[in-house]
Protein backbone atom coordinates (compact mmCIF):
# COMPACT_ATOMS: atom_id res chain seq x y z
CA MET A 1 9.62 11.94 -24.56
CA SER A 2 8.87 14.83 -22.34
CA LYS A 3 8.94 14.78 -18.47
CA LYS A 4 5.23 15.26 -18.47
CA GLU A 5 4.61 12.22 -20.72
CA GLN A 6 7.12 10.12 -18.50
CA LYS A 7 5.16 11.18 -15.37
CA GLN A 8 1.92 10.05 -17.06
CA ILE A 9 3.23 6.73 -18.00
CA LYS A 10 4.71 6.11 -14.47
CA THR A 11 1.47 7.18 -12.89
CA SER A 12 -0.65 4.73 -15.15
CA GLU A 13 1.77 1.84 -14.09
CA SER A 14 1.42 2.84 -10.46
CA ASN A 15 -2.30 2.81 -10.78
CA GLN A 16 -2.28 -0.65 -12.09
CA GLN A 17 0.00 -1.92 -9.43
CA ILE A 18 -2.13 -0.07 -6.73
CA LYS A 19 -5.24 -1.70 -8.07
CA LYS A 20 -3.40 -5.10 -7.91
CA ILE A 21 -2.47 -4.62 -4.44
CA SER A 22 -5.75 -3.60 -3.20
CA GLU A 23 -7.36 -6.51 -4.97
CA LEU A 24 -4.83 -8.72 -3.09
CA MET A 25 -5.71 -7.20 0.17
CA LEU A 26 -9.40 -7.73 -0.49
CA GLU A 27 -8.81 -11.35 -1.34
CA LYS A 28 -7.39 -11.81 2.13
CA LYS A 29 -10.39 -9.91 3.71
CA ALA A 30 -8.38 -6.74 4.55
CA LEU A 31 -10.46 -3.95 6.03
CA ASP A 32 -10.58 -0.17 5.38
CA ILE A 33 -8.36 -0.07 2.47
CA LYS A 34 -7.14 3.48 1.57
CA ILE A 35 -4.86 4.71 -1.14
CA ILE A 36 -3.06 8.18 -0.66
CA ASP A 37 -1.69 9.78 -3.71
CA VAL A 38 1.31 11.92 -2.27
CA GLN A 39 3.19 12.67 -5.59
CA ASN A 40 2.71 16.41 -5.15
CA ILE A 41 3.70 16.79 -1.44
CA THR A 42 6.68 14.50 -0.92
CA THR A 43 9.53 12.82 -2.93
CA LEU A 44 9.66 9.79 -0.62
CA THR A 45 7.18 7.92 -2.64
CA ASP A 46 4.19 8.40 -4.93
CA PHE A 47 1.50 6.47 -3.31
CA ILE A 48 0.68 4.97 0.17
CA VAL A 49 -1.80 2.02 0.36
CA ILE A 50 -3.16 1.21 3.97
CA CYS A 51 -5.25 -1.54 5.33
CA THR A 52 -6.33 -3.11 8.48
CA SER A 53 -6.06 -6.68 9.60
CA GLU A 54 -7.92 -8.22 12.43
CA SER A 55 -5.22 -10.73 13.60
CA GLU A 56 -1.63 -11.60 13.24
CA PRO A 57 -2.26 -14.69 10.98
CA GLN A 58 -4.33 -12.31 8.84
CA THR A 59 -1.44 -9.88 8.68
CA ARG A 60 0.87 -12.47 7.69
CA ALA A 61 -1.51 -13.78 4.99
CA ILE A 62 -2.17 -10.29 3.50
CA THR A 63 1.59 -9.47 3.60
CA ASP A 64 2.75 -12.86 1.98
CA HIS A 65 0.02 -12.76 -0.55
CA ILE A 66 0.97 -9.10 -1.73
CA HIS A 67 4.60 -10.12 -1.63
CA GLU A 68 4.29 -13.26 -3.64
CA GLN A 69 1.85 -12.16 -6.20
CA MET A 70 3.58 -8.82 -6.89
CA LYS A 71 6.87 -10.74 -7.20
CA LYS A 72 5.09 -12.93 -9.75
CA ASP A 73 4.17 -9.86 -11.66
CA GLY A 74 7.74 -8.66 -11.64
CA MET A 75 7.41 -6.18 -8.91
CA LYS A 76 9.98 -7.06 -6.26
CA ALA A 77 9.79 -5.30 -2.84
CA TRP A 78 12.72 -3.23 -1.91
CA HIS A 79 12.23 -3.68 1.73
CA ILE A 80 9.95 -5.27 4.07
CA GLU A 81 9.70 -4.19 7.78
CA GLY A 82 7.62 -5.31 10.81
CA TYR A 83 7.04 -8.85 9.65
CA GLU A 84 8.62 -10.20 13.00
CA ASN A 85 5.85 -8.60 15.09
CA LEU A 86 2.96 -8.41 12.67
CA ASN A 87 1.38 -5.32 14.34
CA TRP A 88 2.40 -3.08 11.45
CA VAL A 89 4.02 -4.42 8.38
CA LEU A 90 5.44 -2.09 5.66
CA ILE A 91 6.27 -3.31 2.29
CA ASP A 92 8.32 -0.74 0.34
CA TYR A 93 8.01 -0.86 -3.59
CA VAL A 94 9.80 2.54 -3.74
CA ASN A 95 7.01 4.51 -5.76
CA ILE A 96 4.36 2.62 -3.56
CA ILE A 97 4.55 2.01 0.14
CA VAL A 98 2.07 -0.67 1.39
CA HIS A 99 1.08 -0.67 5.25
CA VAL A 100 -0.78 -3.60 6.87
CA PHE A 101 -1.85 -2.36 10.48
CA ASN A 102 -3.66 -4.00 13.30
CA ARG A 103 -6.45 -1.90 14.51
CA GLU A 104 -4.54 -0.61 17.44
CA LYS A 105 -1.44 0.61 15.46
CA ARG A 106 -3.64 1.99 12.75
CA ALA A 107 -5.31 4.33 15.20
CA TYR A 108 -2.32 5.21 17.02
CA TYR A 109 -0.31 6.20 13.83
CA ASP A 110 -3.24 7.49 11.86
CA LEU A 111 -1.37 7.96 8.64
CA GLU A 112 -4.55 9.26 7.20
CA ARG A 113 -4.19 12.33 9.36
CA LEU A 114 -0.50 12.60 8.77
CA TRP A 115 -0.84 12.58 4.94
CA ALA A 116 -4.05 14.59 4.85
CA ASP A 117 -2.72 16.91 2.18
CA GLY A 118 -2.58 13.94 -0.22
CA GLN A 119 -5.62 12.76 -2.23
CA ILE A 120 -7.16 9.98 -0.24
CA SER A 121 -9.37 7.49 -1.83
CA GLN A 122 -11.22 4.58 -0.22
CA VAL A 123 -11.20 0.94 -1.88
CA HIS A 124 -14.59 -0.80 -1.83
CA ASP A 125 -15.15 -4.51 -2.24
CA GLN A 126 -17.05 -5.06 -5.63
């Protein structure tokens, strides 16, 4: 199998996982969900998924829901950071990094501007 074919399979799997993660965010009423494709600009990860939460309990609910459901699907987080404070929680799945921000931290860190060279898409509730 060529490297190009391997990359296409990996991207297809990642797209399914990203879709699932964004659906899980929507189930817990996350706001302003964005997906940033950074495959062509960094080797740190392939995709970044960002959402905003309106409260600490909602941040906890979003984080727990994603972590538990993805684990059931066989996708275990490599690392979770920020769960103690619930202002900004990062869930690292290596090829996908999930960020759950409160409004203040999201505006301050402005990851969309930081990764503006990536392909950014908005997730809408259907």
